[in-house]
């Protein structure tokens, strides 16, 4: 009976040792997977920061270009308005000359 019990005990100890070994192997695989995912997350965070910085620079550049275009547009409008005022004055002077000529022709 003792031999049977000792044999059964050894068998159960071997099964338990095998189960522990398998669990440790699974745990090692899970830890490896988790570490790989952590590393990937770290790389993705770095890439995200790089892209955010790049995006910010691009937005700043676009804002500067927009400001320059708006400033040029303002200057162009001022030049056009000035030329229109000059044309209005020239037109008024020509109308006066026409009126004076009409009066002189009569």
N, C-alpha and C. Protein backbone atom coordinates (compact mmCIF):
# COMPACT_ATOMS: atom_id res chain seq x y z
N UNK A 1 0.83 -1.20 0.00
CA UNK A 1 0.00 0.00 0.00
C UNK A 1 0.88 1.26 0.00
N UNK A 2 1.99 1.18 0.83
CA UNK A 2 2.90 2.32 0.86
C UNK A 2 3.55 2.53 -0.50
N UNK A 3 3.92 1.44 -1.13
CA UNK A 3 4.55 1.55 -2.45
C UNK A 3 3.58 2.17 -3.45
N UNK A 4 2.33 1.74 -3.39
CA UNK A 4 1.31 2.28 -4.28
C UNK A 4 1.11 3.76 -4.00
N UNK A 5 1.02 4.08 -2.73
CA UNK A 5 0.84 5.48 -2.35
C UNK A 5 2.06 6.31 -2.77
N UNK A 6 3.26 5.81 -2.54
CA UNK A 6 4.49 6.51 -2.92
C UNK A 6 4.56 6.67 -4.43
N UNK A 7 4.15 5.63 -5.14
CA UNK A 7 4.17 5.69 -6.60
C UNK A 7 3.14 6.72 -7.09
N UNK A 8 1.97 6.70 -6.50
CA UNK A 8 0.91 7.65 -6.85
C UNK A 8 1.36 9.08 -6.52
N UNK A 9 2.00 9.24 -5.39
CA UNK A 9 2.50 10.55 -4.96
C UNK A 9 3.55 11.06 -5.95
N UNK A 10 4.47 10.18 -6.37
CA UNK A 10 5.50 10.57 -7.35
C UNK A 10 4.85 10.97 -8.67
N UNK A 11 3.83 10.21 -9.05
CA UNK A 11 3.13 10.51 -10.31
C UNK A 11 2.46 11.88 -10.21
N UNK A 12 1.79 12.15 -9.09
CA UNK A 12 1.11 13.44 -8.91
C UNK A 12 2.14 14.58 -8.81
N UNK A 13 3.26 14.33 -8.17
CA UNK A 13 4.31 15.34 -8.09
C UNK A 13 4.87 15.64 -9.48
N UNK A 14 5.03 14.62 -10.30
CA UNK A 14 5.52 14.80 -11.67
C UNK A 14 4.51 15.60 -12.49
N UNK A 15 3.22 15.27 -12.32
CA UNK A 15 2.17 16.02 -13.03
C UNK A 15 2.16 17.48 -12.58
N UNK A 16 2.28 17.71 -11.26
CA UNK A 16 2.29 19.07 -10.73
C UNK A 16 3.51 19.82 -11.24
N UNK A 17 4.67 19.17 -11.26
CA UNK A 17 5.89 19.81 -11.75
C UNK A 17 5.74 20.17 -13.23
N UNK A 18 5.12 19.27 -13.99
CA UNK A 18 4.90 19.53 -15.42
C UNK A 18 3.94 20.71 -15.58
N UNK A 19 2.87 20.74 -14.77
CA UNK A 19 1.90 21.83 -14.84
C UNK A 19 2.55 23.16 -14.48
N UNK A 20 3.40 23.15 -13.46
CA UNK A 20 4.13 24.37 -13.06
C UNK A 20 5.05 24.81 -14.18
N UNK A 21 5.74 23.86 -14.79
CA UNK A 21 6.65 24.16 -15.89
C UNK A 21 5.90 24.79 -17.06
N UNK A 22 4.74 24.21 -17.39
CA UNK A 22 3.93 24.74 -18.50
C UNK A 22 3.41 26.14 -18.16
N UNK A 23 2.97 26.33 -16.92
CA UNK A 23 2.47 27.64 -16.50
C UNK A 23 3.59 28.68 -16.56
N UNK A 24 4.79 28.28 -16.14
CA UNK A 24 5.93 29.20 -16.20
C UNK A 24 6.28 29.53 -17.65
N UNK A 25 6.18 28.55 -18.52
CA UNK A 25 6.47 28.79 -19.93
C UNK A 25 5.43 29.76 -20.52
N UNK A 26 4.15 29.55 -20.18
CA UNK A 26 3.09 30.46 -20.65
C UNK A 26 3.30 31.86 -20.09
N UNK A 27 3.68 31.95 -18.82
CA UNK A 27 3.93 33.24 -18.20
C UNK A 27 5.10 33.94 -18.89
N UNK A 28 6.14 33.20 -19.21
CA UNK A 28 7.29 33.78 -19.91
C UNK A 28 6.88 34.29 -21.28
N UNK A 29 6.02 33.52 -21.99
CA UNK A 29 5.53 33.96 -23.30
C UNK A 29 4.70 35.24 -23.15
N UNK A 30 3.84 35.26 -22.13
CA UNK A 30 3.00 36.44 -21.91
C UNK A 30 3.85 37.66 -21.58
N UNK A 31 4.87 37.45 -20.74
CA UNK A 31 5.76 38.56 -20.39
C UNK A 31 6.51 39.07 -21.62
N UNK A 32 6.94 38.14 -22.46
CA UNK A 32 7.63 38.52 -23.70
C UNK A 32 6.69 39.32 -24.59
N UNK A 33 5.45 38.87 -24.70
CA UNK A 33 4.46 39.56 -25.51
C UNK A 33 4.17 40.95 -24.94
N UNK A 34 3.99 41.03 -23.63
CA UNK A 34 3.72 42.32 -22.98
C UNK A 34 4.90 43.27 -23.19
N UNK A 35 6.12 42.76 -23.02
CA UNK A 35 7.30 43.60 -23.23
C UNK A 35 7.38 44.09 -24.68
N UNK A 36 7.06 43.21 -25.62
CA UNK A 36 7.04 43.61 -27.04
C UNK A 36 6.00 44.69 -27.29
N UNK A 37 4.83 44.53 -26.67
CA UNK A 37 3.77 45.53 -26.84
C UNK A 37 4.15 46.85 -26.18
N UNK A 38 4.80 46.78 -25.03
CA UNK A 38 5.26 48.01 -24.38
C UNK A 38 6.28 48.75 -25.26
N UNK A 39 7.19 47.97 -25.83
CA UNK A 39 8.20 48.56 -26.71
C UNK A 39 7.54 49.20 -27.93
N UNK A 40 6.58 48.50 -28.51
CA UNK A 40 5.85 49.03 -29.67
C UNK A 40 5.10 50.31 -29.28
N UNK A 41 4.46 50.29 -28.12
CA UNK A 41 3.75 51.48 -27.64
C UNK A 41 4.71 52.65 -27.47
N UNK A 42 5.88 52.38 -26.92
CA UNK A 42 6.89 53.42 -26.74
C UNK A 42 7.28 54.02 -28.10
N UNK A 43 7.52 53.15 -29.09
CA UNK A 43 7.88 53.63 -30.43
C UNK A 43 6.73 54.45 -31.03
N UNK A 44 5.51 53.98 -30.82
CA UNK A 44 4.35 54.70 -31.37
C UNK A 44 4.19 56.07 -30.71
N UNK A 45 4.44 56.13 -29.41
CA UNK A 45 4.36 57.42 -28.71
C UNK A 45 5.42 58.38 -29.25
N UNK A 46 6.63 57.87 -29.47
CA UNK A 46 7.69 58.72 -30.02
C UNK A 46 7.32 59.21 -31.42
N UNK A 47 6.79 58.30 -32.23
CA UNK A 47 6.37 58.65 -33.60
C UNK A 47 5.24 59.69 -33.55
N UNK A 48 4.33 59.50 -32.61
CA UNK A 48 3.22 60.44 -32.46
C UNK A 48 3.74 61.83 -32.09
N UNK A 49 4.68 61.88 -31.16
CA UNK A 49 5.26 63.18 -30.77
C UNK A 49 5.95 63.83 -31.96
N UNK A 50 6.69 63.02 -32.73
CA UNK A 50 7.38 63.56 -33.90
C UNK A 50 6.38 64.13 -34.91
N UNK A 51 5.30 63.37 -35.14
CA UNK A 51 4.28 63.82 -36.09
C UNK A 51 3.55 65.07 -35.59
N UNK A 52 3.30 65.13 -34.29
CA UNK A 52 2.66 66.32 -33.72
C UNK A 52 3.55 67.55 -33.89
N UNK A 53 4.85 67.37 -33.67
CA UNK A 53 5.79 68.49 -33.84
C UNK A 53 5.83 68.91 -35.32
N UNK A 54 5.87 67.92 -36.20
CA UNK A 54 5.89 68.20 -37.65
C UNK A 54 4.61 68.94 -38.05
N UNK A 55 3.48 68.48 -37.53
CA UNK A 55 2.20 69.11 -37.82
C UNK A 55 2.16 70.55 -37.31
N UNK A 56 2.68 70.75 -36.13
CA UNK A 56 2.71 72.09 -35.55
C UNK A 56 3.57 73.03 -36.41
N UNK A 57 4.72 72.52 -36.86
CA UNK A 57 5.58 73.33 -37.72
C UNK A 57 4.89 73.66 -39.04
N UNK A 58 4.20 72.68 -39.59
CA UNK A 58 3.48 72.90 -40.86
C UNK A 58 2.37 73.93 -40.66
N UNK A 59 1.67 73.85 -39.54
CA UNK A 59 0.61 74.83 -39.26
C UNK A 59 1.20 76.23 -39.10
N UNK A 60 2.33 76.32 -38.40
CA UNK A 60 2.99 77.62 -38.24
C UNK A 60 3.40 78.19 -39.59
N UNK A 61 3.94 77.32 -40.44
CA UNK A 61 4.36 77.75 -41.78
C UNK A 61 3.16 78.24 -42.59
N UNK A 62 2.07 77.47 -42.54
CA UNK A 62 0.86 77.88 -43.27
C UNK A 62 0.31 79.20 -42.74
N UNK A 63 0.35 79.38 -41.43
CA UNK A 63 -0.13 80.61 -40.82
C UNK A 63 0.71 81.79 -41.29
N UNK A 64 2.04 81.60 -41.35
CA UNK A 64 2.94 82.66 -41.83
C UNK A 64 2.66 82.97 -43.30
N UNK A 65 2.47 81.93 -44.11
CA UNK A 65 2.17 82.14 -45.53
C UNK A 65 0.83 82.87 -45.69
N UNK A 66 -0.14 82.48 -44.89
CA UNK A 66 -1.46 83.13 -44.95
C UNK A 66 -1.33 84.60 -44.60
N UNK A 67 -0.57 84.91 -43.54
CA UNK A 67 -0.37 86.30 -43.13
C UNK A 67 0.31 87.10 -44.25
N UNK A 68 1.32 86.49 -44.87
CA UNK A 68 2.04 87.18 -45.96
C UNK A 68 1.09 87.44 -47.13
N UNK A 69 0.27 86.46 -47.46
CA UNK A 69 -0.69 86.62 -48.58
C UNK A 69 -1.70 87.71 -48.24
N UNK A 70 -2.19 87.69 -46.99
CA UNK A 70 -3.17 88.70 -46.59
C UNK A 70 -2.55 90.11 -46.63
N UNK A 71 -1.30 90.22 -46.20
CA UNK A 71 -0.61 91.52 -46.21
C UNK A 71 -0.44 92.00 -47.65
N UNK A 72 -0.04 91.09 -48.54
CA UNK A 72 0.12 91.47 -49.95
C UNK A 72 -1.24 91.87 -50.54
N UNK A 73 -2.27 91.15 -50.17
CA UNK A 73 -3.62 91.46 -50.66
C UNK A 73 -4.03 92.86 -50.20
N UNK A 74 -3.75 93.18 -48.93
CA UNK A 74 -4.09 94.52 -48.42
C UNK A 74 -3.37 95.59 -49.22
N UNK A 75 -2.06 95.36 -49.47
CA UNK A 75 -1.28 96.34 -50.24
C UNK A 75 -1.83 96.47 -51.66
N UNK A 76 -2.16 95.33 -52.28
CA UNK A 76 -2.72 95.36 -53.63
C UNK A 76 -4.04 96.14 -53.65
N UNK A 77 -4.87 95.93 -52.66
CA UNK A 77 -6.16 96.63 -52.58
C UNK A 77 -5.91 98.13 -52.41
N UNK A 78 -4.94 98.48 -51.57
CA UNK A 78 -4.63 99.90 -51.37
C UNK A 78 -4.15 100.54 -52.67
N UNK A 79 -3.29 99.83 -53.43
CA UNK A 79 -2.79 100.34 -54.71
C UNK A 79 -3.95 100.51 -55.69
N UNK A 80 -4.81 99.50 -55.75
CA UNK A 80 -5.96 99.57 -56.66
C UNK A 80 -6.88 100.73 -56.28
N UNK A 81 -7.14 100.87 -54.97
CA UNK A 81 -7.99 101.99 -54.52
C UNK A 81 -7.37 103.33 -54.86
N UNK A 82 -6.06 103.43 -54.68
CA UNK A 82 -5.36 104.68 -55.00
C UNK A 82 -5.48 104.99 -56.49
N UNK A 83 -5.28 103.97 -57.33
CA UNK A 83 -5.38 104.18 -58.78
C UNK A 83 -6.81 104.55 -59.16
N UNK A 84 -7.79 103.92 -58.49
CA UNK A 84 -9.19 104.27 -58.77
C UNK A 84 -9.45 105.74 -58.41
N UNK A 85 -8.91 106.19 -57.28
CA UNK A 85 -9.09 107.59 -56.89
C UNK A 85 -8.47 108.52 -57.93
N UNK A 86 -7.27 108.13 -58.40
CA UNK A 86 -6.62 108.93 -59.44
C UNK A 86 -7.48 108.98 -60.70
N UNK A 87 -8.04 107.82 -61.08
CA UNK A 87 -8.88 107.77 -62.28
C UNK A 87 -10.15 108.61 -62.10
N UNK A 88 -10.69 108.58 -60.90
CA UNK A 88 -11.89 109.40 -60.62
C UNK A 88 -11.55 110.88 -60.78
N UNK A 89 -10.37 111.29 -60.26
CA UNK A 89 -9.95 112.69 -60.39
C UNK A 89 -9.73 113.05 -61.86
N UNK A 90 -9.04 112.16 -62.60
CA UNK A 90 -8.79 112.40 -64.03
C UNK A 90 -10.12 112.48 -64.78
N UNK A 91 -11.02 111.58 -64.44
CA UNK A 91 -12.34 111.58 -65.08
C UNK A 91 -13.08 112.88 -64.80
N UNK A 92 -13.03 113.34 -63.53
CA UNK A 92 -13.70 114.60 -63.17
C UNK A 92 -13.08 115.77 -63.93
N UNK A 93 -11.75 115.77 -64.03
CA UNK A 93 -11.07 116.84 -64.77
C UNK A 93 -11.46 116.81 -66.24
N UNK A 94 -11.54 115.62 -66.81
CA UNK A 94 -11.93 115.50 -68.23
C UNK A 94 -13.37 115.98 -68.43
N UNK A 95 -14.24 115.65 -67.48
CA UNK A 95 -15.63 116.12 -67.58
C UNK A 95 -15.69 117.64 -67.55
N UNK A 96 -14.86 118.24 -66.68
CA UNK A 96 -14.82 119.70 -66.62
C UNK A 96 -14.34 120.29 -67.93
N UNK A 97 -13.31 119.67 -68.51
CA UNK A 97 -12.78 120.16 -69.79
C UNK A 97 -13.85 120.05 -70.88
N UNK A 98 -14.61 118.95 -70.85
CA UNK A 98 -15.67 118.75 -71.83
C UNK A 98 -16.74 119.83 -71.64
N UNK A 99 -17.10 120.10 -70.40
CA UNK A 99 -18.11 121.11 -70.10
C UNK A 99 -17.63 122.51 -70.56
N UNK A 100 -16.36 122.79 -70.25
CA UNK A 100 -15.79 124.08 -70.64
C UNK A 100 -15.77 124.18 -72.16
N UNK A 101 -15.41 123.10 -72.83
CA UNK A 101 -15.37 123.10 -74.29
C UNK A 101 -16.77 123.28 -74.87
N UNK A 102 -17.78 122.62 -74.24
CA UNK A 102 -19.16 122.77 -74.73
C UNK A 102 -19.61 124.21 -74.58
N UNK A 103 -19.29 124.79 -73.45
CA UNK A 103 -19.68 126.19 -73.20
C UNK A 103 -18.93 127.11 -74.19
N UNK A 104 -17.66 126.81 -74.44
CA UNK A 104 -16.85 127.61 -75.37
C UNK A 104 -17.33 127.44 -76.81
N UNK A 105 -17.85 126.26 -77.16
CA UNK A 105 -18.32 126.01 -78.52
C UNK A 105 -19.63 126.72 -78.81
N UNK A 106 -20.39 127.05 -77.79
CA UNK A 106 -21.70 127.65 -78.00
C UNK A 106 -21.52 129.06 -78.36
